[in-house]
Amino acid sequence: MANSANPPDSGARDGAPAPGTVLRVRALLPSLPPAEQRVARRIIDDPEGVAASSITQLARDCSTSEATVIRFCRTIDLSGYRELRLALASEAGQARGAGMSGRAPVGDIDPDDTLVTVVQKIAYTDARAVEETGAQLDADVLQAVVAAMDAARRIDIYGVGASAFVGADLQQKLHRIGLASFAWSDSHVMLTSAAVLRPGDVAVGVSHSGATIETVNALAEARGRGAATVAVTNFPRSPICSYADHVLTTAARETTFRSGATASRLAQLTVVDCLFVGLAQLRYADSRSALETTYDAVRGLRVGEKGRRNPGGPSGTTSSGSDTSA
């Protein structure tokens, strides 16, 4: 199965050391045993402190054993604690070298935060979600998904809650460049739609947690019918990945009042935009023509604009741009 479960350690762009070790630890956190989760949370909360700690100190801080720390290191594909410390220290140094570690306050939203601080925290978290998602997105997996979509008879997209809006956005983008695509959010309709897929079709399941039952079941049904399946999720070991031929991971961290809704949605939309542009580039001439045609179709529906194409013919058409939004 192609996936992006192990993002490259390409260093930090700003703030905490990411993308790299901390990003990988955060993605694997829900799948870890309780003792290893305590080690993971310590690393996420204070990576530089862990880099400066001995294995004995870290084990004591996490109320666990040195053997558990070693086991955790191997879980995240490191040879041992020494390699973990070196990775964290290196990434923290790269973050400091970027000169932006203090760009904005980081952390949960507290009851006594001013509105200015809330805005700073939200903007910082959202920007990090987009940056880190782009940095760790596996280009080979992305290319494989683009190729499958380009050749597909039809593309079904499944998602509920906030992920349903992301699915609708992907469907709208694909439809605008002439690909037969459908976005479903009702659990019954998702399953009945998946049941009529066949080899050559593509099914995309969007789930931040990767554990949304409706989306997991729909993707499993689609795979059982022979369709190529794609999961867009924040957690590469989540249940949905068991039914995905290709896994595209996001990198979002949530704060109070925002779990699964805001930063995750922006990270998912980053993946959607990458898929769309990859497809549009692959079908460049057809996509450009389709975008211009669809833009022209709605041109007259904006205040102060004229020149919408008359139904039934090209008369009245004026030159149009390639804006992809309404």
C-alpha atoms as a PDB file:
ATOM      1  CA  MET A   1       0.000   0.000   0.000  1.00  0.00           C
ATOM      2  CA  ALA A   2       1.377   3.354  -0.984  1.00  0.00           C
ATOM      3  CA  ASN A   3       1.131   5.916   1.758  1.00  0.00           C
ATOM      4  CA  SER A   4       2.766   8.867   3.404  1.00  0.00           C
ATOM      5  CA  ALA A   5       3.005   7.408   6.876  1.00  0.00           C
ATOM      6  CA  ASN A   6       6.657   8.321   7.268  1.00  0.00           C
ATOM      7  CA  PRO A   7       7.138  11.952   6.272  1.00  0.00           C
ATOM      8  CA  PRO A   8      10.688  13.022   5.507  1.00  0.00           C
ATOM      9  CA  ASP A   9      12.710  14.827   8.152  1.00  0.00           C
ATOM     10  CA  SER A  10      13.125  17.962   6.111  1.00  0.00           C
ATOM     11  CA  GLY A  11      13.571  20.291   9.045  1.00  0.00           C
ATOM     12  CA  ALA A  12      11.503  23.073  10.537  1.00  0.00           C
ATOM     13  CA  ARG A  13      10.361  26.175   8.762  1.00  0.00           C
ATOM     14  CA  ASP A  14       9.462  28.028  11.921  1.00  0.00           C
ATOM     15  CA  GLY A  15       8.441  27.458  15.510  1.00  0.00           C
ATOM     16  CA  ALA A  16       8.693  23.937  16.910  1.00  0.00           C
ATOM     17  CA  PRO A  17      10.857  21.337  15.160  1.00  0.00           C
ATOM     18  CA  ALA A  18       8.673  20.203  12.295  1.00  0.00           C
ATOM     19  CA  PRO A  19       8.107  18.680   9.863  1.00  0.00           C
ATOM     20  CA  GLY A  20      10.091  15.742  11.119  1.00  0.00           C
ATOM     21  CA  THR A  21      10.236  13.861  14.367  1.00  0.00           C
ATOM     22  CA  VAL A  22       7.652  15.867  16.303  1.00  0.00           C
ATOM     23  CA  LEU A  23       5.270  15.807  13.351  1.00  0.00           C
ATOM     24  CA  ARG A  24       5.658  12.039  13.018  1.00  0.00           C
ATOM     25  CA  VAL A  25       5.125  11.539  16.750  1.00  0.00           C
ATOM     26  CA  ARG A  26       1.963  13.635  16.680  1.00  0.00           C
ATOM     27  CA  ALA A  27       0.568  11.644  13.749  1.00  0.00           C
ATOM     28  CA  LEU A  28       1.190   8.306  15.460  1.00  0.00           C
ATOM     29  CA  LEU A  29       0.011   9.402  18.924  1.00  0.00           C
ATOM     30  CA  PRO A  30      -3.506   7.866  18.873  1.00  0.00           C
ATOM     31  CA  SER A  31      -2.182   4.452  17.804  1.00  0.00           C
ATOM     32  CA  LEU A  32       0.408   4.163  20.604  1.00  0.00           C
ATOM     33  CA  PRO A  33      -0.016   2.188  23.849  1.00  0.00           C
ATOM     34  CA  PRO A  34      -0.675   4.351  26.958  1.00  0.00           C
ATOM     35  CA  ALA A  35       2.921   4.296  28.264  1.00  0.00           C
ATOM     36  CA  GLU A  36       4.326   5.262  24.862  1.00  0.00           C
ATOM     37  CA  GLN A  37       1.678   7.966  24.549  1.00  0.00           C
ATOM     38  CA  ARG A  38       3.083   9.598  27.676  1.00  0.00           C
ATOM     39  CA  VAL A  39       6.528   9.658  26.059  1.00  0.00           C
ATOM     40  CA  ALA A  40       5.034  11.038  22.857  1.00  0.00           C
ATOM     41  CA  ARG A  41       3.178  13.827  24.646  1.00  0.00           C
ATOM     42  CA  ARG A  42       6.350  14.819  26.474  1.00  0.00           C
ATOM     43  CA  ILE A  43       8.176  15.114  23.151  1.00  0.00           C
ATOM     44  CA  ILE A  44       5.350  17.122  21.566  1.00  0.00           C
ATOM     45  CA  ASP A  45       5.137  19.486  24.559  1.00  0.00           C
ATOM     46  CA  ASP A  46       8.875  20.040  25.075  1.00  0.00           C
ATOM     47  CA  PRO A  47      11.085  18.659  22.278  1.00  0.00           C
ATOM     48  CA  GLU A  48      14.128  20.702  23.301  1.00  0.00           C
ATOM     49  CA  GLY A  49      13.755  19.557  26.904  1.00  0.00           C
ATOM     50  CA  VAL A  50      13.682  15.928  25.796  1.00  0.00           C
ATOM     51  CA  ALA A  51      16.750  16.502  23.623  1.00  0.00           C
ATOM     52  CA  ALA A  52      18.599  17.671  26.723  1.00  0.00           C
ATOM     53  CA  SER A  53      17.360  14.831  28.971  1.00  0.00           C
ATOM     54  CA  SER A  54      18.890  11.443  29.652  1.00  0.00           C
ATOM     55  CA  ILE A  55      16.804   8.367  28.957  1.00  0.00           C
ATOM     56  CA  THR A  56      16.531   7.793  32.704  1.00  0.00           C
ATOM     57  CA  GLN A  57      15.177  11.293  33.254  1.00  0.00           C
ATOM     58  CA  LEU A  58      12.675  11.005  30.411  1.00  0.00           C
ATOM     59  CA  ALA A  59      11.430   7.649  31.668  1.00  0.00           C
ATOM     60  CA  ARG A  60      11.006   9.110  35.161  1.00  0.00           C
ATOM     61  CA  ASP A  61       9.175  12.189  33.829  1.00  0.00           C
ATOM     62  CA  CYS A  62       6.794   9.943  31.900  1.00  0.00           C
ATOM     63  CA  SER A  63       6.255   7.452  34.750  1.00  0.00           C
ATOM     64  CA  THR A  64       7.499   4.613  32.610  1.00  0.00           C
ATOM     65  CA  SER A  65      10.605   2.503  32.003  1.00  0.00           C
ATOM     66  CA  GLU A  66      13.698   2.985  29.882  1.00  0.00           C
ATOM     67  CA  ALA A  67      12.668  -0.105  27.923  1.00  0.00           C
ATOM     68  CA  THR A  68       9.413   1.646  26.979  1.00  0.00           C
ATOM     69  CA  VAL A  69      11.349   4.683  25.764  1.00  0.00           C
ATOM     70  CA  ILE A  70      13.516   2.443  23.564  1.00  0.00           C
ATOM     71  CA  ARG A  71      10.433   0.647  22.263  1.00  0.00           C
ATOM     72  CA  PHE A  72       8.867   4.022  21.459  1.00  0.00           C
ATOM     73  CA  CYS A  73      11.965   5.075  19.495  1.00  0.00           C
ATOM     74  CA  ARG A  74      11.721   1.946  17.375  1.00  0.00           C
ATOM     75  CA  THR A  75       8.014   2.531  16.839  1.00  0.00           C
ATOM     76  CA  ILE A  76       8.826   5.843  15.152  1.00  0.00           C
ATOM     77  CA  ASP A  77      11.564   4.199  13.070  1.00  0.00           C
ATOM     78  CA  LEU A  78      14.571   5.379  15.081  1.00  0.00           C
ATOM     79  CA  SER A  79      17.336   3.056  16.212  1.00  0.00           C
ATOM     80  CA  GLY A  80      17.301   4.251  19.812  1.00  0.00           C
ATOM     81  CA  TYR A  81      17.197   7.142  22.240  1.00  0.00           C
ATOM     82  CA  ARG A  82      20.463   8.673  21.064  1.00  0.00           C
ATOM     83  CA  GLU A  83      19.072   9.081  17.552  1.00  0.00           C
ATOM     84  CA  LEU A  84      15.882  10.601  18.975  1.00  0.00           C
ATOM     85  CA  ARG A  85      17.849  13.203  20.965  1.00  0.00           C
ATOM     86  CA  LEU A  86      19.995  14.092  17.963  1.00  0.00           C
ATOM     87  CA  ALA A  87      16.942  14.474  15.717  1.00  0.00           C
ATOM     88  CA  LEU A  88      15.120  16.708  18.194  1.00  0.00           C
ATOM     89  CA  ALA A  89      18.208  18.825  18.853  1.00  0.00           C
ATOM     90  CA  SER A  90      18.883  19.216  15.127  1.00  0.00           C
ATOM     91  CA  GLU A  91      15.326  20.200  14.310  1.00  0.00           C
ATOM     92  CA  ALA A  92      15.175  22.644  17.215  1.00  0.00           C
ATOM     93  CA  GLY A  93      18.418  24.229  15.975  1.00  0.00           C
ATOM     94  CA  GLN A  94      16.969  24.586  12.481  1.00  0.00           C
ATOM     95  CA  ALA A  95      13.897  26.265  13.964  1.00  0.00           C
ATOM     96  CA  ARG A  96      16.032  28.756  15.880  1.00  0.00           C
ATOM     97  CA  GLY A  97      18.107  29.364  12.779  1.00  0.00           C
ATOM     98  CA  ALA A  98      14.954  30.296  10.895  1.00  0.00           C
ATOM     99  CA  GLY A  99      14.621  33.182  13.368  1.00  0.00           C
ATOM    100  CA  MET A 100      10.867  32.789  13.682  1.00  0.00           C
ATOM    101  CA  SER A 101      10.412  30.696  16.805  1.00  0.00           C
ATOM    102  CA  GLY A 102       8.658  33.564  18.535  1.00  0.00           C
ATOM    103  CA  ARG A 103       6.453  34.517  15.632  1.00  0.00           C
ATOM    104  CA  ALA A 104       3.218  33.942  17.531  1.00  0.00           C
ATOM    105  CA  PRO A 105       2.020  32.517  20.823  1.00  0.00           C
ATOM    106  CA  VAL A 106       1.528  28.764  20.593  1.00  0.00           C
ATOM    107  CA  GLY A 107      -0.719  26.508  22.614  1.00  0.00           C
ATOM    108  CA  ASP A 108      -4.293  25.985  23.688  1.00  0.00           C
ATOM    109  CA  ILE A 109      -6.770  28.827  23.891  1.00  0.00           C
ATOM    110  CA  ASP A 110      -7.075  29.849  27.536  1.00  0.00           C
ATOM    111  CA  PRO A 111     -10.093  31.475  29.232  1.00  0.00           C
ATOM    112  CA  ASP A 112      -8.102  34.636  30.008  1.00  0.00           C
ATOM    113  CA  ASP A 113      -6.610  35.089  26.532  1.00  0.00           C
ATOM    114  CA  THR A 114      -7.315  38.440  24.923  1.00  0.00           C
ATOM    115  CA  LEU A 115      -9.043  38.425  21.554  1.00  0.00           C
ATOM    116  CA  VAL A 116      -5.779  39.588  19.975  1.00  0.00           C
ATOM    117  CA  THR A 117      -4.019  36.536  21.437  1.00  0.00           C
ATOM    118  CA  VAL A 118      -6.818  34.246  20.256  1.00  0.00           C
ATOM    119  CA  VAL A 119      -6.434  35.602  16.713  1.00  0.00           C
ATOM    120  CA  GLN A 120      -2.656  35.113  16.871  1.00  0.00           C
ATOM    121  CA  LYS A 121      -2.972  31.536  18.113  1.00  0.00           C
ATOM    122  CA  ILE A 122      -5.573  30.597  15.510  1.00  0.00           C
ATOM    123  CA  ALA A 123      -3.617  32.196  12.661  1.00  0.00           C
ATOM    124  CA  TYR A 124      -0.407  30.513  13.781  1.00  0.00           C
ATOM    125  CA  THR A 125      -2.014  27.080  14.173  1.00  0.00           C
ATOM    126  CA  ASP A 126      -3.779  27.294  10.824  1.00  0.00           C
ATOM    127  CA  ALA A 127      -0.640  28.441   9.020  1.00  0.00           C
ATOM    128  CA  ARG A 128       1.370  25.619  10.596  1.00  0.00           C
ATOM    129  CA  ALA A 129      -1.241  23.071   9.501  1.00  0.00           C
ATOM    130  CA  VAL A 130      -0.933  24.167   5.875  1.00  0.00           C
ATOM    131  CA  GLU A 131       2.874  24.431   5.943  1.00  0.00           C
ATOM    132  CA  GLU A 132       3.440  21.102   7.678  1.00  0.00           C
ATOM    133  CA  THR A 133       0.910  19.298   5.492  1.00  0.00           C
ATOM    134  CA  GLY A 134       2.671  20.531   2.374  1.00  0.00           C
ATOM    135  CA  ALA A 135       6.099  19.656   3.756  1.00  0.00           C
ATOM    136  CA  GLN A 136       5.276  16.048   4.613  1.00  0.00           C
ATOM    137  CA  LEU A 137       2.923  15.236   1.717  1.00  0.00           C
ATOM    138  CA  ASP A 138       4.329  12.259  -0.191  1.00  0.00           C
ATOM    139  CA  ALA A 139       4.759  13.370  -3.813  1.00  0.00           C
ATOM    140  CA  ASP A 140       4.890   9.784  -5.114  1.00  0.00           C
ATOM    141  CA  VAL A 141       1.579   8.902  -3.473  1.00  0.00           C
ATOM    142  CA  LEU A 142       0.065  12.166  -4.695  1.00  0.00           C
ATOM    143  CA  GLN A 143       1.187  11.385  -8.236  1.00  0.00           C
ATOM    144  CA  ALA A 144      -0.307   7.895  -8.051  1.00  0.00           C
ATOM    145  CA  VAL A 145      -3.648   9.306  -6.900  1.00  0.00           C
ATOM    146  CA  VAL A 146      -3.621  11.958  -9.643  1.00  0.00           C
ATOM    147  CA  ALA A 147      -2.974   9.276 -12.263  1.00  0.00           C
ATOM    148  CA  ALA A 148      -5.775   7.081 -10.917  1.00  0.00           C
ATOM    149  CA  MET A 149      -8.234   9.986 -10.900  1.00  0.00           C
ATOM    150  CA  ASP A 150      -7.241  11.028 -14.412  1.00  0.00           C
ATOM    151  CA  ALA A 151      -8.040   7.553 -15.737  1.00  0.00           C
ATOM    152  CA  ALA A 152     -11.168   6.985 -13.626  1.00  0.00           C
ATOM    153  CA  ARG A 153     -14.648   6.429 -15.014  1.00  0.00           C
ATOM    154  CA  ARG A 154     -16.039   8.168 -11.938  1.00  0.00           C
ATOM    155  CA  ILE A 155     -14.763   9.469  -8.605  1.00  0.00           C
ATOM    156  CA  ASP A 156     -16.764   9.101  -5.390  1.00  0.00           C
ATOM    157  CA  ILE A 157     -15.834  11.220  -2.356  1.00  0.00           C
ATOM    158  CA  TYR A 158     -16.988  10.372   1.171  1.00  0.00           C
ATOM    159  CA  GLY A 159     -16.901  12.530   4.299  1.00  0.00           C
ATOM    160  CA  VAL A 160     -19.157  13.573   7.168  1.00  0.00           C
ATOM    161  CA  GLY A 161     -19.174  16.628   9.425  1.00  0.00           C
ATOM    162  CA  ALA A 162     -16.431  19.130   8.576  1.00  0.00           C
ATOM    163  CA  SER A 163     -14.874  16.606   6.192  1.00  0.00           C
ATOM    164  CA  ALA A 164     -18.078  16.661   4.121  1.00  0.00           C
ATOM    165  CA  PHE A 165     -17.363  20.288   3.189  1.00  0.00           C
ATOM    166  CA  VAL A 166     -13.870  19.294   2.085  1.00  0.00           C
ATOM    167  CA  GLY A 167     -15.338  16.484  -0.002  1.00  0.00           C
ATOM    168  CA  ALA A 168     -17.782  18.904  -1.623  1.00  0.00           C
ATOM    169  CA  ASP A 169     -14.923  21.272  -2.438  1.00  0.00           C
ATOM    170  CA  LEU A 170     -12.963  18.475  -4.146  1.00  0.00           C
ATOM    171  CA  GLN A 171     -16.041  17.368  -6.087  1.00  0.00           C
ATOM    172  CA  GLN A 172     -16.700  20.908  -7.309  1.00  0.00           C
ATOM    173  CA  LYS A 173     -13.112  21.333  -8.438  1.00  0.00           C
ATOM    174  CA  LEU A 174     -13.040  17.988 -10.271  1.00  0.00           C
ATOM    175  CA  HIS A 175     -16.385  18.688 -11.926  1.00  0.00           C
ATOM    176  CA  ARG A 176     -15.111  22.027 -13.221  1.00  0.00           C
ATOM    177  CA  ILE A 177     -12.384  20.311 -15.226  1.00  0.00           C
ATOM    178  CA  GLY A 178     -14.733  17.725 -16.666  1.00  0.00           C
ATOM    179  CA  LEU A 179     -14.263  14.740 -14.349  1.00  0.00           C
ATOM    180  CA  ALA A 180     -17.362  12.779 -13.316  1.00  0.00           C
ATOM    181  CA  SER A 181     -17.323  13.111  -9.539  1.00  0.00           C
ATOM    182  CA  PHE A 182     -19.800  12.817  -6.691  1.00  0.00           C
ATOM    183  CA  ALA A 183     -19.532  13.864  -3.044  1.00  0.00           C
ATOM    184  CA  TRP A 184     -21.620  11.987  -0.469  1.00  0.00           C
ATOM    185  CA  SER A 185     -22.147  12.651   3.237  1.00  0.00           C
ATOM    186  CA  ASP A 186     -25.217  10.568   4.094  1.00  0.00           C
ATOM    187  CA  SER A 187     -24.182   7.152   5.433  1.00  0.00           C
ATOM    188  CA  HIS A 188     -26.820   5.230   3.460  1.00  0.00           C
ATOM    189  CA  VAL A 189     -26.127   7.042   0.202  1.00  0.00           C
ATOM    190  CA  MET A 190     -22.374   6.629   0.697  1.00  0.00           C
ATOM    191  CA  LEU A 191     -22.756   2.858   0.978  1.00  0.00           C
ATOM    192  CA  THR A 192     -25.175   2.503  -1.921  1.00  0.00           C
ATOM    193  CA  SER A 193     -22.940   4.637  -4.101  1.00  0.00           C
ATOM    194  CA  ALA A 194     -19.872   2.615  -3.146  1.00  0.00           C
ATOM    195  CA  ALA A 195     -21.718  -0.605  -3.917  1.00  0.00           C
ATOM    196  CA  VAL A 196     -22.036   0.247  -7.618  1.00  0.00           C
ATOM    197  CA  LEU A 197     -18.385   1.172  -8.113  1.00  0.00           C
ATOM    198  CA  ARG A 198     -16.142  -1.123 -10.107  1.00  0.00           C
ATOM    199  CA  PRO A 199     -12.506  -1.494 -11.173  1.00  0.00           C
ATOM    200  CA  GLY A 200     -11.353   1.705 -12.838  1.00  0.00           C
ATOM    201  CA  ASP A 201     -13.314   3.913 -10.455  1.00  0.00           C
ATOM    202  CA  VAL A 202     -11.771   5.869  -7.571  1.00  0.00           C
ATOM    203  CA  ALA A 203     -13.170   6.354  -4.071  1.00  0.00           C
ATOM    204  CA  VAL A 204     -11.793   9.012  -1.709  1.00  0.00           C
ATOM    205  CA  GLY A 205     -12.508   8.939   2.031  1.00  0.00           C
ATOM    206  CA  VAL A 206     -11.857  12.160   3.956  1.00  0.00           C
ATOM    207  CA  SER A 207     -11.589  11.772   7.741  1.00  0.00           C
ATOM    208  CA  HIS A 208      -9.347  13.763  10.079  1.00  0.00           C
ATOM    209  CA  SER A 209      -9.380  11.045  12.736  1.00  0.00           C
ATOM    210  CA  GLY A 210      -9.454   8.200  10.241  1.00  0.00           C
ATOM    211  CA  ALA A 211     -11.985   6.513  12.500  1.00  0.00           C
ATOM    212  CA  THR A 212     -15.307   7.950  11.298  1.00  0.00           C
ATOM    213  CA  ILE A 213     -17.454   4.823  10.954  1.00  0.00           C
ATOM    214  CA  GLU A 214     -19.553   6.034   8.006  1.00  0.00           C
ATOM    215  CA  THR A 215     -16.508   7.017   5.953  1.00  0.00           C
ATOM    216  CA  VAL A 216     -14.530   3.896   6.853  1.00  0.00           C
ATOM    217  CA  ASN A 217     -17.464   1.649   5.909  1.00  0.00           C
ATOM    218  CA  ALA A 218     -17.997   3.427   2.581  1.00  0.00           C
ATOM    219  CA  LEU A 219     -14.328   3.166   1.627  1.00  0.00           C
ATOM    220  CA  ALA A 220     -14.283  -0.512   2.621  1.00  0.00           C
ATOM    221  CA  GLU A 221     -17.333  -1.165   0.432  1.00  0.00           C
ATOM    222  CA  ALA A 222     -15.723   0.657  -2.500  1.00  0.00           C
ATOM    223  CA  ARG A 223     -12.547  -1.358  -2.163  1.00  0.00           C
ATOM    224  CA  GLY A 224     -14.553  -4.566  -2.021  1.00  0.00           C
ATOM    225  CA  ARG A 225     -16.085  -3.632  -5.368  1.00  0.00           C
ATOM    226  CA  GLY A 226     -12.664  -3.187  -6.968  1.00  0.00           C
ATOM    227  CA  ALA A 227     -12.371   0.603  -6.964  1.00  0.00           C
ATOM    228  CA  ALA A 228      -9.036   2.260  -6.216  1.00  0.00           C
ATOM    229  CA  THR A 229      -9.302   3.769  -2.739  1.00  0.00           C
ATOM    230  CA  VAL A 230      -7.710   6.871  -1.244  1.00  0.00           C
ATOM    231  CA  ALA A 231      -7.720   8.022   2.392  1.00  0.00           C
ATOM    232  CA  VAL A 232      -7.090  11.620   3.419  1.00  0.00           C
ATOM    233  CA  THR A 233      -6.416  11.547   7.161  1.00  0.00           C
ATOM    234  CA  ASN A 234      -4.235  13.024   9.873  1.00  0.00           C
ATOM    235  CA  PHE A 235      -3.269   9.643  11.309  1.00  0.00           C
ATOM    236  CA  PRO A 236      -1.490   7.071   9.116  1.00  0.00           C
ATOM    237  CA  ARG A 237      -2.317   4.147  11.426  1.00  0.00           C
ATOM    238  CA  SER A 238      -6.016   4.925  11.753  1.00  0.00           C
ATOM    239  CA  PRO A 239      -8.718   2.386  10.764  1.00  0.00           C
ATOM    240  CA  ILE A 240      -9.501   3.982   7.396  1.00  0.00           C
ATOM    241  CA  CYS A 241      -5.961   3.271   6.182  1.00  0.00           C
ATOM    242  CA  SER A 242      -6.677  -0.471   6.286  1.00  0.00           C
ATOM    243  CA  TYR A 243      -9.022   0.016   3.321  1.00  0.00           C
ATOM    244  CA  ALA A 244      -6.934   2.519   1.351  1.00  0.00           C
ATOM    245  CA  ASP A 245      -4.659   1.751  -1.572  1.00  0.00           C
ATOM    246  CA  HIS A 246      -3.185   5.224  -1.154  1.00  0.00           C
ATOM    247  CA  VAL A 247      -2.933   7.319   2.028  1.00  0.00           C
ATOM    248  CA  LEU A 248      -2.443  11.087   1.919  1.00  0.00           C
ATOM    249  CA  THR A 249      -1.746  12.468   5.382  1.00  0.00           C
ATOM    250  CA  THR A 250      -2.435  15.921   6.726  1.00  0.00           C
ATOM    251  CA  ALA A 251      -0.598  17.557   9.625  1.00  0.00           C
ATOM    252  CA  ALA A 252      -3.048  19.492  11.779  1.00  0.00           C
ATOM    253  CA  ARG A 253      -3.039  20.174  15.503  1.00  0.00           C
ATOM    254  CA  GLU A 254      -6.238  21.265  17.179  1.00  0.00           C
ATOM    255  CA  THR A 255      -6.859  23.659  20.069  1.00  0.00           C
ATOM    256  CA  THR A 256      -9.795  24.212  22.393  1.00  0.00           C
ATOM    257  CA  PHE A 257     -13.170  24.724  20.638  1.00  0.00           C
ATOM    258  CA  ARG A 258     -11.659  23.585  17.317  1.00  0.00           C
ATOM    259  CA  SER A 259     -11.119  19.826  17.459  1.00  0.00           C
ATOM    260  CA  GLY A 260     -11.592  18.232  14.039  1.00  0.00           C
ATOM    261  CA  ALA A 261     -13.074  21.364  12.517  1.00  0.00           C
ATOM    262  CA  THR A 262     -10.743  24.201  11.568  1.00  0.00           C
ATOM    263  CA  ALA A 263      -7.024  23.504  11.293  1.00  0.00           C
ATOM    264  CA  SER A 264      -7.801  19.982  10.087  1.00  0.00           C
ATOM    265  CA  ARG A 265     -10.134  21.351   7.414  1.00  0.00           C
ATOM    266  CA  LEU A 266      -7.462  23.733   6.124  1.00  0.00           C
ATOM    267  CA  ALA A 267      -4.932  20.890   6.042  1.00  0.00           C
ATOM    268  CA  GLN A 268      -7.390  18.720   4.110  1.00  0.00           C
ATOM    269  CA  LEU A 269      -8.094  21.558   1.679  1.00  0.00           C
ATOM    270  CA  THR A 270      -4.340  21.816   1.073  1.00  0.00           C
ATOM    271  CA  VAL A 271      -4.362  18.179  -0.056  1.00  0.00           C
ATOM    272  CA  VAL A 272      -7.463  18.836  -2.175  1.00  0.00           C
ATOM    273  CA  ASP A 273      -5.787  21.778  -3.896  1.00  0.00           C
ATOM    274  CA  CYS A 274      -2.683  19.702  -4.613  1.00  0.00           C
ATOM    275  CA  LEU A 275      -4.820  16.952  -6.156  1.00  0.00           C
ATOM    276  CA  PHE A 276      -6.791  19.441  -8.235  1.00  0.00           C
ATOM    277  CA  VAL A 277      -3.788  21.324  -9.559  1.00  0.00           C
ATOM    278  CA  GLY A 278      -1.966  18.054 -10.264  1.00  0.00           C
ATOM    279  CA  LEU A 279      -4.915  16.857 -12.320  1.00  0.00           C
ATOM    280  CA  ALA A 280      -5.377  20.191 -14.063  1.00  0.00           C
ATOM    281  CA  GLN A 281      -1.698  20.239 -14.994  1.00  0.00           C
ATOM    282  CA  LEU A 282      -1.875  16.691 -16.336  1.00  0.00           C
ATOM    283  CA  ARG A 283      -4.870  17.651 -18.483  1.00  0.00           C
ATOM    284  CA  TYR A 284      -3.622  21.183 -19.091  1.00  0.00           C
ATOM    285  CA  ALA A 285      -5.338  22.136 -22.349  1.00  0.00           C
ATOM    286  CA  ASP A 286      -8.674  20.512 -21.511  1.00  0.00           C
ATOM    287  CA  SER A 287      -8.621  21.883 -17.960  1.00  0.00           C
ATOM    288  CA  ARG A 288      -7.882  25.427 -19.075  1.00  0.00           C
ATOM    289  CA  SER A 289     -10.686  25.296 -21.614  1.00  0.00           C
ATOM    290  CA  ALA A 290     -13.116  23.842 -19.062  1.00  0.00           C
ATOM    291  CA  LEU A 291     -12.230  26.442 -16.451  1.00  0.00           C
ATOM    292  CA  GLU A 292     -12.730  29.279 -18.916  1.00  0.00           C
ATOM    293  CA  THR A 293     -16.048  27.820 -20.080  1.00  0.00           C
ATOM    294  CA  THR A 294     -17.404  27.355 -16.560  1.00  0.00           C
ATOM    295  CA  TYR A 295     -16.186  30.794 -15.515  1.00  0.00           C
ATOM    296  CA  ASP A 296     -17.999  32.304 -18.456  1.00  0.00           C
ATOM    297  CA  ALA A 297     -21.198  30.425 -17.562  1.00  0.00           C
ATOM    298  CA  VAL A 298     -21.474  32.240 -14.222  1.00  0.00           C
ATOM    299  CA  ARG A 299     -19.924  35.530 -15.290  1.00  0.00           C
ATOM    300  CA  GLY A 300     -23.236  37.360 -15.480  1.00  0.00           C
ATOM    301  CA  LEU A 301     -24.237  36.298 -11.962  1.00  0.00           C
ATOM    302  CA  ARG A 302     -21.863  38.786 -10.333  1.00  0.00           C
ATOM    303  CA  VAL A 303     -22.893  42.315  -9.556  1.00  0.00           C
ATOM    304  CA  GLY A 304     -21.518  44.705 -12.171  1.00  0.00           C
ATOM    305  CA  GLU A 305     -20.398  41.995 -14.601  1.00  0.00           C
ATOM    306  CA  LYS A 306     -21.904  41.309 -17.996  1.00  0.00           C
ATOM    307  CA  GLY A 307     -21.286  38.959 -20.824  1.00  0.00           C
ATOM    308  CA  ARG A 308     -22.686  35.640 -19.613  1.00  0.00           C
ATOM    309  CA  ARG A 309     -23.001  33.228 -22.476  1.00  0.00           C
ATOM    310  CA  ASN A 310     -26.544  32.990 -23.808  1.00  0.00           C
ATOM    311  CA  PRO A 311     -28.140  29.540 -23.446  1.00  0.00           C
ATOM    312  CA  GLY A 312     -27.913  27.537 -26.611  1.00  0.00           C
ATOM    313  CA  GLY A 313     -24.973  29.266 -28.235  1.00  0.00           C
ATOM    314  CA  PRO A 314     -21.749  31.250 -27.875  1.00  0.00           C
ATOM    315  CA  SER A 315     -23.248  34.589 -28.854  1.00  0.00           C
ATOM    316  CA  GLY A 316     -22.744  37.286 -26.283  1.00  0.00           C
ATOM    317  CA  THR A 317     -19.676  35.592 -24.882  1.00  0.00           C
ATOM    318  CA  THR A 318     -16.881  37.866 -23.846  1.00  0.00           C
ATOM    319  CA  SER A 319     -13.341  37.010 -22.946  1.00  0.00           C
ATOM    320  CA  SER A 320     -13.096  35.416 -19.533  1.00  0.00           C
ATOM    321  CA  GLY A 321     -10.483  34.684 -16.934  1.00  0.00           C
ATOM    322  CA  SER A 322      -9.665  31.389 -15.279  1.00  0.00           C
ATOM    323  CA  ASP A 323     -10.854  32.169 -11.771  1.00  0.00           C
ATOM    324  CA  THR A 324     -11.811  28.894 -10.068  1.00  0.00           C
ATOM    325  CA  SER A 325     -14.038  30.366  -7.375  1.00  0.00           C
ATOM    326  CA  ALA A 326     -17.582  31.640  -7.425  1.00  0.00           C
END
